[in-house]
Amino acid sequence: MATIRWELSEKQAEYINDKHRYLIVEGSAGSGKTLFACHKVLMYALTHPNAKIGVFRLTLPSLKVTVMLFTVRFPVFSTLIV
């Protein structure tokens, strides 16, 4: 099994274990919002194997770019994305 090493900012580390049902992330462009949300989703998926998880973006092209960038950075997850 692959080892995952999270590199989070101080603010991200503060909220990574937050248990609220909804997550609102704000920040400037390039501040790591998407990467943080992906970390939270993956942590949940890895600890809840039967969970059904949806990830949404405003447009399909923006979702495809996000998924592509994430799987390039973490190739081990490319097999998990349907």
Protein backbone atom coordinates (compact mmCIF):
# COMPACT_ATOMS: atom_id res chain seq x y z
CA MET A 1 0.00 0.00 0.00
CA ALA A 2 1.24 3.48 -0.87
CA THR A 3 2.06 5.99 1.83
CA ILE A 4 0.46 9.40 1.46
CA ARG A 5 2.31 12.42 2.79
CA TRP A 6 0.11 15.50 3.15
CA GLU A 7 1.83 18.87 2.92
CA LEU A 8 -0.71 21.29 4.33
CA SER A 9 -0.45 24.93 5.29
CA GLU A 10 -0.95 25.90 8.91
CA LYS A 11 -4.55 26.98 8.20
CA GLN A 12 -5.31 23.79 6.25
CA ALA A 13 -3.89 21.63 9.04
CA GLU A 14 -6.20 23.43 11.47
CA TYR A 15 -9.30 22.26 9.54
CA ILE A 16 -8.25 18.92 8.03
CA ASN A 17 -9.88 16.91 10.86
CA ASP A 18 -12.99 19.10 11.12
CA LYS A 19 -16.09 16.88 11.28
CA HIS A 20 -18.76 19.33 10.04
CA ARG A 21 -21.01 17.98 7.31
CA TYR A 22 -20.44 20.89 4.93
CA LEU A 23 -17.16 22.50 3.94
CA ILE A 24 -16.82 26.05 2.68
CA VAL A 25 -13.33 26.96 1.55
CA GLU A 26 -12.33 30.47 0.55
CA GLY A 27 -9.12 32.08 -0.56
CA SER A 28 -7.35 33.69 -3.45
CA ALA A 29 -6.44 31.91 -6.68
CA GLY A 30 -3.65 29.38 -6.14
CA SER A 31 -4.04 29.29 -2.36
CA GLY A 32 -4.64 25.52 -2.23
CA LYS A 33 -8.43 25.39 -1.83
CA THR A 34 -8.94 22.56 -4.29
CA LEU A 35 -5.99 20.54 -3.03
CA PHE A 36 -7.24 20.90 0.55
CA ALA A 37 -10.74 19.77 -0.42
CA CYS A 38 -9.24 16.78 -2.29
CA HIS A 39 -7.24 15.84 0.81
CA LYS A 40 -10.40 15.92 2.94
CA VAL A 41 -12.35 13.82 0.44
CA LEU A 42 -9.56 11.26 0.12
CA MET A 43 -9.10 10.99 3.88
CA TYR A 44 -12.82 10.34 4.24
CA ALA A 45 -12.86 7.81 1.40
CA LEU A 46 -9.88 5.91 2.81
CA THR A 47 -11.43 5.71 6.29
CA HIS A 48 -14.99 4.95 5.08
CA PRO A 49 -14.61 2.31 2.34
CA ASN A 50 -18.34 2.05 1.52
CA ALA A 51 -18.96 5.79 1.36
CA LYS A 52 -20.52 7.34 -1.71
CA ILE A 53 -18.76 10.62 -2.44
CA GLY A 54 -19.53 13.27 -5.03
CA VAL A 55 -17.21 16.05 -6.10
CA PHE A 56 -18.76 18.91 -8.05
CA ARG A 57 -17.60 22.01 -9.89
CA LEU A 58 -19.58 24.72 -11.62
CA THR A 59 -18.63 23.45 -15.09
CA LEU A 60 -17.51 20.09 -16.47
CA PRO A 61 -14.33 21.55 -18.02
CA SER A 62 -13.22 22.96 -14.64
CA LEU A 63 -13.88 19.57 -12.99
CA LYS A 64 -11.82 17.78 -15.64
CA VAL A 65 -8.90 20.17 -15.16
CA THR A 66 -9.04 19.73 -11.38
CA VAL A 67 -9.13 15.94 -11.62
CA MET A 68 -6.34 15.90 -14.19
CA LEU A 69 -4.07 18.11 -12.08
CA PHE A 70 -4.73 16.05 -8.95
CA THR A 71 -4.02 12.70 -10.61
CA VAL A 72 -0.81 14.07 -12.16
CA ARG A 73 0.37 15.17 -8.71
CA PHE A 74 -0.79 11.93 -7.02
CA PRO A 75 -0.75 9.16 -9.67
CA VAL A 76 -1.64 6.48 -7.10
CA PHE A 77 -5.21 7.87 -7.08
CA SER A 78 -5.73 7.85 -10.84
CA THR A 79 -7.18 4.32 -10.63
CA LEU A 80 -9.79 5.46 -8.10
CA ILE A 81 -11.37 8.10 -10.32
CA VAL A 82 -14.33 6.90 -12.37
